[in-house]
Amino acid sequence: MNRVIAVIYGIAGLWFLLLASPRSLGEAAVKYAFAAILLLFAYRRFRASSKNAAEYVKQEDGAWLQLTVVPAAPPILWFPAVLSIVLGAGVVGSGMAYLWVVGLIFALLTWLVLLQDHRGGNPTAPRRFRVNPEGIETDGTFLRKDDIHNLRIRNKFAGGVEIVYDANQGIPTGVTMGLAGRRALAEVAYRVEVEAAGKAYVLAAGLDEVTARGVATEIGKALNLTMPKS
């Protein structure tokens, strides 16, 4: 699906770049702004995983468990994206004085909708980290198990927190707060965080709920946390 989306937006970007005929410098700015935004978005989607869903791969290396987590692609807000592109195309070549200013506003809206990921936690890039019974190694930092306060799943849109490991109790508590009114973006805005020595570290972001739970469970097992009986 990502490949199809890339082709569609790539064609739209090439239309702005090669075929659109501006009649003023302002319209030319609108033309190249849309071309750059659409072609960059097409490139990102083409480079993304062929699947829209998040996934993770685990690999054992001695005492270490390495987890590679691939985030889900953010959903496209089709209506504002298509509307802003159509209106932007109408501006280029119109010849109406100062209408290009409105065209740049449409380009800004397109940039916000297509290129900005609002899920939080830098969810666009795959993450890789390692876990062993002594702690977690992420981005060159080793977090000792004794320093870990809790390991949790968060979603910035729902405000929900699931505490997976509570240092005060020493075991996962399995407390889940209701996540009501989810929208498409919220469904792939889960992230796995760990708090250690007074700081929060994002281990993986841009996940669906099932993948986030799976990653958190793998971390708990690798840390040799005592799991509650079902």
C-alpha atoms as a PDB file:
ATOM      1  CA  MET A   1       0.000   0.000   0.000  1.00  0.00           C
ATOM      2  CA  ASN A   2       2.837   2.409   0.786  1.00  0.00           C
ATOM      3  CA  ARG A   3       4.236   1.840  -2.711  1.00  0.00           C
ATOM      4  CA  VAL A   4       0.886   2.727  -4.293  1.00  0.00           C
ATOM      5  CA  ILE A   5       0.621   5.881  -2.201  1.00  0.00           C
ATOM      6  CA  ALA A   6       4.185   6.806  -3.189  1.00  0.00           C
ATOM      7  CA  VAL A   7       3.369   6.462  -6.887  1.00  0.00           C
ATOM      8  CA  ILE A   8       0.212   8.585  -6.605  1.00  0.00           C
ATOM      9  CA  TYR A   9       1.899  11.412  -4.750  1.00  0.00           C
ATOM     10  CA  GLY A  10       5.025  11.121  -6.886  1.00  0.00           C
ATOM     11  CA  ILE A  11       2.950  11.679 -10.019  1.00  0.00           C
ATOM     12  CA  ALA A  12       1.274  14.679  -8.395  1.00  0.00           C
ATOM     13  CA  GLY A  13       4.686  16.081  -7.451  1.00  0.00           C
ATOM     14  CA  LEU A  14       6.025  15.603 -10.975  1.00  0.00           C
ATOM     15  CA  TRP A  15       2.968  17.383 -12.363  1.00  0.00           C
ATOM     16  CA  PHE A  16       3.740  20.429 -10.225  1.00  0.00           C
ATOM     17  CA  LEU A  17       7.430  20.244 -11.151  1.00  0.00           C
ATOM     18  CA  LEU A  18       7.161  19.669 -14.902  1.00  0.00           C
ATOM     19  CA  LEU A  19       3.716  20.616 -16.150  1.00  0.00           C
ATOM     20  CA  ALA A  20       2.344  23.394 -13.954  1.00  0.00           C
ATOM     21  CA  SER A  21       2.753  26.801 -15.654  1.00  0.00           C
ATOM     22  CA  PRO A  22       3.090  29.700 -13.215  1.00  0.00           C
ATOM     23  CA  ARG A  23       2.494  33.255 -14.410  1.00  0.00           C
ATOM     24  CA  SER A  24       4.385  35.059 -11.667  1.00  0.00           C
ATOM     25  CA  LEU A  25       7.251  34.552  -9.255  1.00  0.00           C
ATOM     26  CA  GLY A  26       4.746  34.010  -6.469  1.00  0.00           C
ATOM     27  CA  GLU A  27       3.023  31.238  -8.386  1.00  0.00           C
ATOM     28  CA  ALA A  28       6.422  29.725  -9.167  1.00  0.00           C
ATOM     29  CA  ALA A  29       7.111  29.604  -5.415  1.00  0.00           C
ATOM     30  CA  VAL A  30       3.828  27.759  -4.912  1.00  0.00           C
ATOM     31  CA  LYS A  31       4.680  25.362  -7.736  1.00  0.00           C
ATOM     32  CA  TYR A  32       8.091  24.393  -6.386  1.00  0.00           C
ATOM     33  CA  ALA A  33       6.856  24.251  -2.777  1.00  0.00           C
ATOM     34  CA  PHE A  34       4.189  21.699  -3.711  1.00  0.00           C
ATOM     35  CA  ALA A  35       6.598  19.759  -5.921  1.00  0.00           C
ATOM     36  CA  ALA A  36       9.172  19.499  -3.122  1.00  0.00           C
ATOM     37  CA  ILE A  37       6.598  18.487  -0.491  1.00  0.00           C
ATOM     38  CA  LEU A  38       4.904  15.854  -2.634  1.00  0.00           C
ATOM     39  CA  LEU A  39       8.111  14.315  -3.990  1.00  0.00           C
ATOM     40  CA  LEU A  40       9.658  14.153  -0.511  1.00  0.00           C
ATOM     41  CA  PHE A  41       6.512  12.523   0.845  1.00  0.00           C
ATOM     42  CA  ALA A  42       6.515  10.023  -2.039  1.00  0.00           C
ATOM     43  CA  TYR A  43      10.178   9.214  -1.337  1.00  0.00           C
ATOM     44  CA  ARG A  44       9.475   8.625   2.355  1.00  0.00           C
ATOM     45  CA  ARG A  45       6.531   6.354   1.618  1.00  0.00           C
ATOM     46  CA  PHE A  46       8.516   4.405  -0.964  1.00  0.00           C
ATOM     47  CA  ARG A  47      11.340   3.863   1.549  1.00  0.00           C
ATOM     48  CA  ALA A  48       8.900   2.822   4.269  1.00  0.00           C
ATOM     49  CA  SER A  49       7.997  -0.765   5.006  1.00  0.00           C
ATOM     50  CA  SER A  50       5.621  -2.330   2.508  1.00  0.00           C
ATOM     51  CA  LYS A  51       3.365  -3.023   5.471  1.00  0.00           C
ATOM     52  CA  ASN A  52       1.419  -0.290   7.250  1.00  0.00           C
ATOM     53  CA  ALA A  53       1.524  -2.161  10.553  1.00  0.00           C
ATOM     54  CA  ALA A  54       4.283  -1.930  13.122  1.00  0.00           C
ATOM     55  CA  GLU A  55       6.443  -4.973  13.779  1.00  0.00           C
ATOM     56  CA  TYR A  56       9.463  -6.075  15.764  1.00  0.00           C
ATOM     57  CA  VAL A  57      12.182  -8.668  15.359  1.00  0.00           C
ATOM     58  CA  LYS A  58      14.056 -10.222  18.271  1.00  0.00           C
ATOM     59  CA  GLN A  59      17.489 -11.808  18.089  1.00  0.00           C
ATOM     60  CA  GLU A  60      19.403 -13.500  20.864  1.00  0.00           C
ATOM     61  CA  ASP A  61      23.102 -12.746  21.243  1.00  0.00           C
ATOM     62  CA  GLY A  62      24.463 -14.603  24.239  1.00  0.00           C
ATOM     63  CA  ALA A  63      22.896 -13.103  27.358  1.00  0.00           C
ATOM     64  CA  TRP A  64      21.524 -10.228  25.303  1.00  0.00           C
ATOM     65  CA  LEU A  65      18.166  -9.981  23.566  1.00  0.00           C
ATOM     66  CA  GLN A  66      18.266  -7.472  20.713  1.00  0.00           C
ATOM     67  CA  LEU A  67      14.971  -5.958  19.590  1.00  0.00           C
ATOM     68  CA  THR A  68      14.550  -4.130  16.279  1.00  0.00           C
ATOM     69  CA  VAL A  69      11.241  -2.272  16.175  1.00  0.00           C
ATOM     70  CA  VAL A  70       9.772  -0.882  12.942  1.00  0.00           C
ATOM     71  CA  PRO A  71       7.032   1.736  13.477  1.00  0.00           C
ATOM     72  CA  ALA A  72       3.757   1.844  11.612  1.00  0.00           C
ATOM     73  CA  ALA A  73       3.371   4.455   8.902  1.00  0.00           C
ATOM     74  CA  PRO A  74       1.221   7.353  10.077  1.00  0.00           C
ATOM     75  CA  PRO A  75      -2.236   7.421   8.519  1.00  0.00           C
ATOM     76  CA  ILE A  76      -2.891  10.007   5.840  1.00  0.00           C
ATOM     77  CA  LEU A  77      -5.579  12.603   6.455  1.00  0.00           C
ATOM     78  CA  TRP A  78      -6.880  12.278   2.928  1.00  0.00           C
ATOM     79  CA  PHE A  79      -9.462  15.040   2.817  1.00  0.00           C
ATOM     80  CA  PRO A  80      -7.269  17.990   3.904  1.00  0.00           C
ATOM     81  CA  ALA A  81      -4.323  16.623   1.909  1.00  0.00           C
ATOM     82  CA  VAL A  82      -6.228  16.229  -1.355  1.00  0.00           C
ATOM     83  CA  LEU A  83      -8.158  19.480  -0.855  1.00  0.00           C
ATOM     84  CA  SER A  84      -5.011  21.528  -0.270  1.00  0.00           C
ATOM     85  CA  ILE A  85      -3.283  19.950  -3.308  1.00  0.00           C
ATOM     86  CA  VAL A  86      -6.265  20.651  -5.583  1.00  0.00           C
ATOM     87  CA  LEU A  87      -6.535  24.238  -4.360  1.00  0.00           C
ATOM     88  CA  GLY A  88      -2.779  24.696  -4.740  1.00  0.00           C
ATOM     89  CA  ALA A  89      -2.964  23.407  -8.307  1.00  0.00           C
ATOM     90  CA  GLY A  90      -5.725  25.921  -8.977  1.00  0.00           C
ATOM     91  CA  VAL A  91      -3.510  28.769  -7.799  1.00  0.00           C
ATOM     92  CA  VAL A  92      -0.608  27.944 -10.125  1.00  0.00           C
ATOM     93  CA  GLY A  93      -1.359  29.464 -13.519  1.00  0.00           C
ATOM     94  CA  SER A  94      -4.412  31.416 -12.336  1.00  0.00           C
ATOM     95  CA  GLY A  95      -2.734  34.783 -12.913  1.00  0.00           C
ATOM     96  CA  MET A  96      -4.725  36.397 -10.101  1.00  0.00           C
ATOM     97  CA  ALA A  97      -2.753  38.975  -8.145  1.00  0.00           C
ATOM     98  CA  TYR A  98      -1.664  37.907  -4.676  1.00  0.00           C
ATOM     99  CA  LEU A  99      -3.561  34.607  -4.884  1.00  0.00           C
ATOM    100  CA  TRP A 100      -0.170  32.946  -4.633  1.00  0.00           C
ATOM    101  CA  VAL A 101      -0.106  33.959  -0.944  1.00  0.00           C
ATOM    102  CA  VAL A 102      -3.118  31.709  -0.398  1.00  0.00           C
ATOM    103  CA  GLY A 103      -1.317  29.039  -2.403  1.00  0.00           C
ATOM    104  CA  LEU A 104       1.616  29.147  -0.007  1.00  0.00           C
ATOM    105  CA  ILE A 105      -0.813  28.720   2.878  1.00  0.00           C
ATOM    106  CA  PHE A 106      -2.178  25.616   1.141  1.00  0.00           C
ATOM    107  CA  ALA A 107       1.402  24.375   0.717  1.00  0.00           C
ATOM    108  CA  LEU A 108       2.007  24.878   4.439  1.00  0.00           C
ATOM    109  CA  LEU A 109      -1.147  22.905   5.223  1.00  0.00           C
ATOM    110  CA  THR A 110       0.027  20.111   2.919  1.00  0.00           C
ATOM    111  CA  TRP A 111       3.421  20.064   4.653  1.00  0.00           C
ATOM    112  CA  LEU A 112       1.756  19.784   8.067  1.00  0.00           C
ATOM    113  CA  VAL A 113      -0.539  16.982   6.920  1.00  0.00           C
ATOM    114  CA  LEU A 114       1.944  14.893   4.913  1.00  0.00           C
ATOM    115  CA  LEU A 115       5.409  15.494   6.346  1.00  0.00           C
ATOM    116  CA  GLN A 116       4.869  16.195  10.033  1.00  0.00           C
ATOM    117  CA  ASP A 117       4.420  13.197  12.310  1.00  0.00           C
ATOM    118  CA  HIS A 118       2.488  14.296  15.381  1.00  0.00           C
ATOM    119  CA  ARG A 119       2.624  11.032  17.317  1.00  0.00           C
ATOM    120  CA  GLY A 120       5.595  12.016  19.486  1.00  0.00           C
ATOM    121  CA  GLY A 121       8.724  10.119  20.464  1.00  0.00           C
ATOM    122  CA  ASN A 122      10.378  10.329  17.015  1.00  0.00           C
ATOM    123  CA  PRO A 123       8.153   7.600  15.573  1.00  0.00           C
ATOM    124  CA  THR A 124       9.371   7.645  11.974  1.00  0.00           C
ATOM    125  CA  ALA A 125      12.629   5.687  12.311  1.00  0.00           C
ATOM    126  CA  PRO A 126      13.147   2.044  13.352  1.00  0.00           C
ATOM    127  CA  ARG A 127      14.622   1.560  16.822  1.00  0.00           C
ATOM    128  CA  ARG A 128      17.138  -1.002  18.003  1.00  0.00           C
ATOM    129  CA  PHE A 129      18.074  -1.739  21.614  1.00  0.00           C
ATOM    130  CA  ARG A 130      19.377  -4.627  23.729  1.00  0.00           C
ATOM    131  CA  VAL A 131      18.184  -6.134  27.007  1.00  0.00           C
ATOM    132  CA  ASN A 132      19.734  -8.580  29.439  1.00  0.00           C
ATOM    133  CA  PRO A 133      18.975  -9.497  33.064  1.00  0.00           C
ATOM    134  CA  GLU A 134      21.154  -6.588  34.222  1.00  0.00           C
ATOM    135  CA  GLY A 135      19.411  -3.807  32.293  1.00  0.00           C
ATOM    136  CA  ILE A 136      18.685  -2.141  28.952  1.00  0.00           C
ATOM    137  CA  GLU A 137      21.142  -0.678  26.452  1.00  0.00           C
ATOM    138  CA  THR A 138      19.660   2.001  24.181  1.00  0.00           C
ATOM    139  CA  ASP A 139      21.444   4.614  22.039  1.00  0.00           C
ATOM    140  CA  GLY A 140      24.763   3.845  23.736  1.00  0.00           C
ATOM    141  CA  THR A 141      23.326   4.273  27.248  1.00  0.00           C
ATOM    142  CA  PHE A 142      23.080   1.358  29.664  1.00  0.00           C
ATOM    143  CA  LEU A 143      20.163   1.535  32.083  1.00  0.00           C
ATOM    144  CA  ARG A 144      20.740  -0.721  35.068  1.00  0.00           C
ATOM    145  CA  LYS A 145      17.780  -2.775  36.213  1.00  0.00           C
ATOM    146  CA  ASP A 146      18.175  -1.448  39.753  1.00  0.00           C
ATOM    147  CA  ASP A 147      17.760   2.113  38.444  1.00  0.00           C
ATOM    148  CA  ILE A 148      14.574   1.395  36.481  1.00  0.00           C
ATOM    149  CA  HIS A 149      11.461   2.887  38.084  1.00  0.00           C
ATOM    150  CA  ASN A 150       8.939   1.549  35.604  1.00  0.00           C
ATOM    151  CA  LEU A 151       8.483   0.351  32.068  1.00  0.00           C
ATOM    152  CA  ARG A 152       5.297   1.571  30.463  1.00  0.00           C
ATOM    153  CA  ILE A 153       3.201   2.015  27.352  1.00  0.00           C
ATOM    154  CA  ARG A 154       1.982   5.510  26.557  1.00  0.00           C
ATOM    155  CA  ASN A 155      -0.241   7.130  23.974  1.00  0.00           C
ATOM    156  CA  LYS A 156      -0.089  10.930  23.803  1.00  0.00           C
ATOM    157  CA  PHE A 157      -3.544  11.212  22.223  1.00  0.00           C
ATOM    158  CA  ALA A 158      -5.365   8.984  24.681  1.00  0.00           C
ATOM    159  CA  GLY A 159      -3.489   9.932  27.830  1.00  0.00           C
ATOM    160  CA  GLY A 160      -3.472   6.282  28.870  1.00  0.00           C
ATOM    161  CA  VAL A 161      -0.632   4.598  30.708  1.00  0.00           C
ATOM    162  CA  GLU A 162      -0.097   0.928  31.322  1.00  0.00           C
ATOM    163  CA  ILE A 163       2.481   0.282  34.036  1.00  0.00           C
ATOM    164  CA  VAL A 164       4.311  -2.868  33.086  1.00  0.00           C
ATOM    165  CA  TYR A 165       6.899  -2.875  35.834  1.00  0.00           C
ATOM    166  CA  ASP A 166       6.539  -1.073  39.125  1.00  0.00           C
ATOM    167  CA  ALA A 167       9.771  -0.808  41.138  1.00  0.00           C
ATOM    168  CA  ASN A 168       7.837  -0.343  44.377  1.00  0.00           C
ATOM    169  CA  GLN A 169       6.054  -3.685  43.968  1.00  0.00           C
ATOM    170  CA  GLY A 170       8.745  -5.466  41.977  1.00  0.00           C
ATOM    171  CA  ILE A 171       6.277  -7.079  39.578  1.00  0.00           C
ATOM    172  CA  PRO A 172       4.200  -5.987  36.616  1.00  0.00           C
ATOM    173  CA  THR A 173       0.917  -4.574  37.854  1.00  0.00           C
ATOM    174  CA  GLY A 174      -1.079  -4.944  34.628  1.00  0.00           C
ATOM    175  CA  VAL A 175      -2.991  -1.746  35.353  1.00  0.00           C
ATOM    176  CA  THR A 176      -4.573  -0.393  32.199  1.00  0.00           C
ATOM    177  CA  MET A 177      -6.330   2.937  31.886  1.00  0.00           C
ATOM    178  CA  GLY A 178      -9.165   3.214  29.379  1.00  0.00           C
ATOM    179  CA  LEU A 179      -8.247   4.595  25.990  1.00  0.00           C
ATOM    180  CA  ALA A 180     -11.492   6.066  24.671  1.00  0.00           C
ATOM    181  CA  GLY A 181     -12.213   7.892  21.445  1.00  0.00           C
ATOM    182  CA  ARG A 182      -9.282   6.559  19.478  1.00  0.00           C
ATOM    183  CA  ARG A 183      -8.800   7.958  16.046  1.00  0.00           C
ATOM    184  CA  ALA A 184      -6.660   6.652  13.235  1.00  0.00           C
ATOM    185  CA  LEU A 185      -3.577   8.515  14.434  1.00  0.00           C
ATOM    186  CA  ALA A 186      -4.036   7.441  18.039  1.00  0.00           C
ATOM    187  CA  GLU A 187      -4.149   3.790  17.006  1.00  0.00           C
ATOM    188  CA  VAL A 188      -0.503   3.914  15.871  1.00  0.00           C
ATOM    189  CA  ALA A 189       0.744   6.423  18.456  1.00  0.00           C
ATOM    190  CA  TYR A 190       1.723   3.988  21.204  1.00  0.00           C
ATOM    191  CA  ARG A 191       5.264   4.093  22.496  1.00  0.00           C
ATOM    192  CA  VAL A 192       7.257   2.055  24.994  1.00  0.00           C
ATOM    193  CA  GLU A 193       9.154   4.081  27.569  1.00  0.00           C
ATOM    194  CA  VAL A 194      11.384   3.253  30.480  1.00  0.00           C
ATOM    195  CA  GLU A 195      12.070   5.523  33.433  1.00  0.00           C
ATOM    196  CA  ALA A 196      15.501   5.143  34.993  1.00  0.00           C
ATOM    197  CA  ALA A 197      17.429   7.390  37.388  1.00  0.00           C
ATOM    198  CA  GLY A 198      14.836  10.121  37.088  1.00  0.00           C
ATOM    199  CA  LYS A 199      14.772  10.276  33.269  1.00  0.00           C
ATOM    200  CA  ALA A 200      12.397   8.881  30.660  1.00  0.00           C
ATOM    201  CA  TYR A 201      13.806   7.033  27.642  1.00  0.00           C
ATOM    202  CA  VAL A 202      11.721   6.171  24.571  1.00  0.00           C
ATOM    203  CA  LEU A 203      12.601   2.646  23.457  1.00  0.00           C
ATOM    204  CA  ALA A 204      10.123   2.443  20.564  1.00  0.00           C
ATOM    205  CA  ALA A 205       7.414   4.715  19.157  1.00  0.00           C
ATOM    206  CA  GLY A 206       4.797   4.825  16.412  1.00  0.00           C
ATOM    207  CA  LEU A 207       3.338   1.453  17.371  1.00  0.00           C
ATOM    208  CA  ASP A 208      -0.099  -0.089  17.477  1.00  0.00           C
ATOM    209  CA  GLU A 209      -1.293  -1.374  20.835  1.00  0.00           C
ATOM    210  CA  VAL A 210      -0.592  -5.047  20.145  1.00  0.00           C
ATOM    211  CA  THR A 211       2.984  -4.420  19.018  1.00  0.00           C
ATOM    212  CA  ALA A 212       3.631  -2.125  21.985  1.00  0.00           C
ATOM    213  CA  ARG A 213       2.426  -4.814  24.381  1.00  0.00           C
ATOM    214  CA  GLY A 214       4.593  -7.397  22.647  1.00  0.00           C
ATOM    215  CA  VAL A 215       7.714  -5.231  22.904  1.00  0.00           C
ATOM    216  CA  ALA A 216       7.026  -4.488  26.581  1.00  0.00           C
ATOM    217  CA  THR A 217       6.513  -8.186  27.305  1.00  0.00           C
ATOM    218  CA  GLU A 218       9.785  -9.157  25.601  1.00  0.00           C
ATOM    219  CA  ILE A 219      11.629  -6.544  27.653  1.00  0.00           C
ATOM    220  CA  GLY A 220      10.064  -7.831  30.858  1.00  0.00           C
ATOM    221  CA  LYS A 221      11.083 -11.408  30.067  1.00  0.00           C
ATOM    222  CA  ALA A 222      14.649 -10.400  29.201  1.00  0.00           C
ATOM    223  CA  LEU A 223      14.950  -8.474  32.464  1.00  0.00           C
ATOM    224  CA  ASN A 224      13.739 -11.580  34.311  1.00  0.00           C
ATOM    225  CA  LEU A 225      10.832  -9.723  35.871  1.00  0.00           C
ATOM    226  CA  THR A 226       8.360 -11.813  37.845  1.00  0.00           C
ATOM    227  CA  MET A 227       5.191 -12.073  35.791  1.00  0.00           C
ATOM    228  CA  PRO A 228       1.813 -12.146  37.540  1.00  0.00           C
ATOM    229  CA  LYS A 229      -0.248 -15.323  37.305  1.00  0.00           C
ATOM    230  CA  SER A 230      -3.247 -15.097  35.003  1.00  0.00           C
END
